[in-house]
């Protein structure tokens, strides 16, 4: 669904818009939908590991932090660990 819930913390993931479709607001709609769904399921905070889409998510109100500062529950997820191993 675009996020993984770990208690009250959500890990946003798997959101992508194909290059030919970018610039039409689809990315913002996907993020807004994932945020709404995460809140409905109990998330109080959302984190997003990204490098390639950092500017886009900063425009959506996300702030950059070091991965080591993410909550431990997120650092223990397979998704977070796999991304961390790439860097």
N, C-alpha and C. Protein backbone atom coordinates (compact mmCIF):
# COMPACT_ATOMS: atom_id res chain seq x y z
N UNK A 1 0.82 -1.19 0.00
CA UNK A 1 0.00 0.00 0.00
C UNK A 1 0.86 1.25 0.00
N UNK A 2 2.17 1.11 -0.16
CA UNK A 2 3.03 2.28 -0.19
C UNK A 2 3.65 2.65 1.15
N UNK A 3 3.35 1.86 2.19
CA UNK A 3 3.98 2.09 3.48
C UNK A 3 3.96 0.80 4.29
N UNK A 4 4.84 0.73 5.27
CA UNK A 4 4.89 -0.39 6.19
C UNK A 4 4.75 0.19 7.59
N UNK A 5 3.84 -0.34 8.37
CA UNK A 5 3.58 0.18 9.71
C UNK A 5 4.35 -0.62 10.74
N UNK A 6 5.05 0.09 11.61
CA UNK A 6 5.82 -0.51 12.71
C UNK A 6 5.39 0.19 13.99
N UNK A 7 4.33 -0.31 14.59
CA UNK A 7 3.76 0.36 15.75
C UNK A 7 3.11 1.66 15.33
N UNK A 8 3.55 2.76 15.88
CA UNK A 8 3.00 4.08 15.55
C UNK A 8 3.83 4.81 14.49
N UNK A 9 4.82 4.11 13.93
CA UNK A 9 5.72 4.70 12.95
C UNK A 9 5.55 3.99 11.62
N UNK A 10 5.48 4.76 10.54
CA UNK A 10 5.32 4.17 9.21
C UNK A 10 6.56 4.40 8.35
N UNK A 11 6.84 3.44 7.51
CA UNK A 11 7.93 3.52 6.54
C UNK A 11 7.30 3.65 5.16
N UNK A 12 7.41 4.82 4.55
CA UNK A 12 6.87 5.04 3.21
C UNK A 12 7.80 4.36 2.22
N UNK A 13 7.21 3.64 1.28
CA UNK A 13 8.03 2.92 0.30
C UNK A 13 7.22 2.58 -0.94
N UNK A 14 7.92 2.18 -1.95
CA UNK A 14 7.30 1.66 -3.17
C UNK A 14 6.37 2.65 -3.85
N UNK A 15 6.71 3.91 -3.83
CA UNK A 15 5.94 4.91 -4.57
C UNK A 15 6.79 5.38 -5.74
N UNK A 16 6.26 5.19 -6.95
CA UNK A 16 7.01 5.61 -8.13
C UNK A 16 6.04 5.99 -9.23
N UNK A 17 6.43 6.99 -9.98
CA UNK A 17 5.67 7.41 -11.16
C UNK A 17 6.59 7.25 -12.36
N UNK A 18 6.12 6.59 -13.37
CA UNK A 18 6.89 6.37 -14.59
C UNK A 18 7.31 7.71 -15.19
N UNK A 19 8.55 7.83 -15.65
CA UNK A 19 9.04 9.11 -16.19
C UNK A 19 8.11 9.80 -17.19
N UNK A 20 7.48 9.09 -18.14
CA UNK A 20 6.61 9.80 -19.07
C UNK A 20 5.36 10.42 -18.42
N UNK A 21 5.02 9.95 -17.22
CA UNK A 21 3.82 10.45 -16.55
C UNK A 21 4.11 11.48 -15.46
N UNK A 22 5.37 11.78 -15.26
CA UNK A 22 5.74 12.74 -14.22
C UNK A 22 5.32 14.15 -14.59
N UNK A 23 5.16 14.99 -13.57
CA UNK A 23 4.78 16.38 -13.79
C UNK A 23 3.28 16.60 -13.89
N UNK A 24 2.51 15.58 -13.56
CA UNK A 24 1.04 15.67 -13.66
C UNK A 24 0.36 15.63 -12.29
N UNK A 25 1.16 15.61 -11.23
CA UNK A 25 0.59 15.57 -9.89
C UNK A 25 0.31 14.17 -9.37
N UNK A 26 0.68 13.14 -10.14
CA UNK A 26 0.40 11.77 -9.71
C UNK A 26 1.20 11.39 -8.47
N UNK A 27 2.45 11.84 -8.41
CA UNK A 27 3.30 11.54 -7.26
C UNK A 27 2.71 12.12 -5.98
N UNK A 28 2.27 13.36 -6.05
CA UNK A 28 1.66 14.00 -4.88
C UNK A 28 0.40 13.26 -4.46
N UNK A 29 -0.38 12.81 -5.43
CA UNK A 29 -1.60 12.06 -5.11
C UNK A 29 -1.24 10.74 -4.43
N UNK A 30 -0.22 10.04 -4.92
CA UNK A 30 0.20 8.78 -4.30
C UNK A 30 0.66 8.99 -2.87
N UNK A 31 1.46 10.03 -2.65
CA UNK A 31 1.97 10.32 -1.30
C UNK A 31 0.81 10.67 -0.37
N UNK A 32 -0.08 11.52 -0.82
CA UNK A 32 -1.22 11.93 0.00
C UNK A 32 -2.08 10.72 0.36
N UNK A 33 -2.30 9.83 -0.59
CA UNK A 33 -3.08 8.62 -0.33
C UNK A 33 -2.38 7.73 0.69
N UNK A 34 -1.07 7.52 0.51
CA UNK A 34 -0.31 6.67 1.44
C UNK A 34 -0.30 7.28 2.84
N UNK A 35 -0.15 8.60 2.93
CA UNK A 35 -0.18 9.28 4.23
C UNK A 35 -1.53 9.11 4.91
N UNK A 36 -2.60 9.28 4.16
CA UNK A 36 -3.95 9.14 4.72
C UNK A 36 -4.19 7.72 5.20
N UNK A 37 -3.81 6.76 4.39
CA UNK A 37 -3.98 5.34 4.76
C UNK A 37 -3.16 5.02 6.00
N UNK A 38 -1.93 5.52 6.06
CA UNK A 38 -1.07 5.27 7.22
C UNK A 38 -1.69 5.86 8.49
N UNK A 39 -2.22 7.07 8.40
CA UNK A 39 -2.87 7.69 9.56
C UNK A 39 -4.08 6.88 10.02
N UNK A 40 -4.87 6.41 9.06
CA UNK A 40 -6.04 5.59 9.40
C UNK A 40 -5.65 4.30 10.11
N UNK A 41 -4.46 3.80 9.79
CA UNK A 41 -3.99 2.55 10.40
C UNK A 41 -3.18 2.80 11.67
N UNK A 42 -3.07 4.07 12.10
CA UNK A 42 -2.45 4.37 13.39
C UNK A 42 -1.08 5.00 13.36
N UNK A 43 -0.54 5.29 12.19
CA UNK A 43 0.78 5.91 12.13
C UNK A 43 0.72 7.35 12.63
N UNK A 44 1.64 7.69 13.50
CA UNK A 44 1.74 9.05 14.00
C UNK A 44 2.91 9.78 13.38
N UNK A 45 3.82 9.01 12.79
CA UNK A 45 5.02 9.56 12.18
C UNK A 45 5.37 8.72 10.96
N UNK A 46 5.86 9.36 9.90
CA UNK A 46 6.25 8.63 8.69
C UNK A 46 7.71 8.94 8.36
N UNK A 47 8.42 7.91 7.92
CA UNK A 47 9.80 8.06 7.49
C UNK A 47 9.91 7.52 6.07
N UNK A 48 10.90 8.00 5.35
CA UNK A 48 11.05 7.66 3.95
C UNK A 48 12.53 7.59 3.59
N UNK A 49 13.07 6.39 3.37
CA UNK A 49 14.47 6.30 2.95
C UNK A 49 14.56 6.53 1.44
N UNK A 50 15.18 7.64 1.04
CA UNK A 50 15.35 7.92 -0.38
C UNK A 50 16.57 8.80 -0.60
N UNK A 51 17.12 8.68 -1.76
CA UNK A 51 18.17 9.59 -2.21
C UNK A 51 17.71 10.22 -3.51
N UNK A 52 17.20 9.39 -4.41
CA UNK A 52 16.84 9.86 -5.75
C UNK A 52 15.64 10.80 -5.76
N UNK A 53 14.75 10.70 -4.78
CA UNK A 53 13.54 11.53 -4.77
C UNK A 53 13.52 12.51 -3.59
N UNK A 54 14.68 12.78 -3.05
CA UNK A 54 14.76 13.63 -1.86
C UNK A 54 14.11 14.99 -2.08
N UNK A 55 14.43 15.65 -3.19
CA UNK A 55 13.90 16.98 -3.45
C UNK A 55 12.37 16.95 -3.53
N UNK A 56 11.83 15.95 -4.22
CA UNK A 56 10.37 15.82 -4.34
C UNK A 56 9.73 15.73 -2.96
N UNK A 57 10.28 14.87 -2.09
CA UNK A 57 9.67 14.67 -0.78
C UNK A 57 9.89 15.86 0.15
N UNK A 58 10.98 16.57 -0.03
CA UNK A 58 11.16 17.79 0.74
C UNK A 58 10.09 18.81 0.37
N UNK A 59 9.71 18.86 -0.88
CA UNK A 59 8.63 19.75 -1.31
C UNK A 59 7.29 19.32 -0.71
N UNK A 60 7.18 18.05 -0.34
CA UNK A 60 5.95 17.52 0.27
C UNK A 60 5.97 17.69 1.79
N UNK A 61 7.03 18.31 2.33
CA UNK A 61 7.10 18.58 3.76
C UNK A 61 7.96 17.63 4.57
N UNK A 62 8.60 16.67 3.91
CA UNK A 62 9.49 15.75 4.61
C UNK A 62 10.83 16.43 4.85
N UNK A 63 11.50 16.04 5.94
CA UNK A 63 12.80 16.59 6.28
C UNK A 63 13.84 15.48 6.23
N UNK A 64 15.02 15.81 5.75
CA UNK A 64 16.10 14.83 5.69
C UNK A 64 16.72 14.60 7.06
N UNK A 65 16.97 13.34 7.38
CA UNK A 65 17.70 12.97 8.59
C UNK A 65 18.67 11.86 8.23
N UNK A 66 19.63 11.62 9.07
CA UNK A 66 20.54 10.50 8.87
C UNK A 66 19.77 9.21 9.16
N UNK A 67 20.05 8.18 8.38
CA UNK A 67 19.34 6.91 8.56
C UNK A 67 19.51 6.35 9.96
N UNK A 68 20.66 6.57 10.56
CA UNK A 68 20.90 6.03 11.90
C UNK A 68 20.00 6.68 12.95
N UNK A 69 19.35 7.80 12.61
CA UNK A 69 18.45 8.47 13.54
C UNK A 69 17.00 8.01 13.42
N UNK A 70 16.74 7.16 12.44
CA UNK A 70 15.38 6.62 12.27
C UNK A 70 15.07 5.70 13.46
N UNK A 71 13.81 5.59 13.82
CA UNK A 71 13.43 4.70 14.93
C UNK A 71 13.93 3.27 14.71
N UNK A 72 14.32 2.63 15.79
CA UNK A 72 14.87 1.28 15.73
C UNK A 72 13.91 0.30 15.07
N UNK A 73 12.61 0.47 15.32
CA UNK A 73 11.62 -0.42 14.71
C UNK A 73 11.71 -0.40 13.19
N UNK A 74 11.99 0.76 12.61
CA UNK A 74 12.13 0.87 11.15
C UNK A 74 13.46 0.30 10.69
N UNK A 75 14.50 0.54 11.45
CA UNK A 75 15.83 0.04 11.07
C UNK A 75 15.86 -1.48 11.02
N UNK A 76 14.94 -2.13 11.74
CA UNK A 76 14.89 -3.59 11.77
C UNK A 76 14.04 -4.20 10.65
N UNK A 77 13.39 -3.37 9.84
CA UNK A 77 12.58 -3.92 8.74
C UNK A 77 13.47 -4.38 7.60
N UNK A 78 12.99 -5.35 6.83
CA UNK A 78 13.76 -5.85 5.69
C UNK A 78 13.96 -4.75 4.66
N UNK A 79 12.94 -3.93 4.42
CA UNK A 79 13.02 -2.85 3.43
C UNK A 79 14.12 -1.86 3.81
N UNK A 80 14.13 -1.41 5.04
CA UNK A 80 15.11 -0.44 5.50
C UNK A 80 16.52 -1.03 5.46
N UNK A 81 16.66 -2.27 5.91
CA UNK A 81 17.96 -2.92 5.92
C UNK A 81 18.52 -3.10 4.50
N UNK A 82 17.66 -3.45 3.57
CA UNK A 82 18.11 -3.64 2.19
C UNK A 82 18.57 -2.32 1.60
N UNK A 83 17.84 -1.24 1.85
CA UNK A 83 18.23 0.07 1.33
C UNK A 83 19.51 0.55 2.00
N UNK A 84 19.64 0.30 3.28
CA UNK A 84 20.81 0.74 4.02
C UNK A 84 22.05 0.03 3.48
N UNK A 85 21.91 -1.24 3.10
CA UNK A 85 23.03 -2.02 2.62
C UNK A 85 23.55 -1.50 1.28
N UNK A 86 22.72 -0.79 0.54
CA UNK A 86 23.13 -0.29 -0.77
C UNK A 86 24.03 0.94 -0.66
N UNK A 87 24.08 1.57 0.49
CA UNK A 87 24.81 2.84 0.60
C UNK A 87 26.06 2.70 1.43
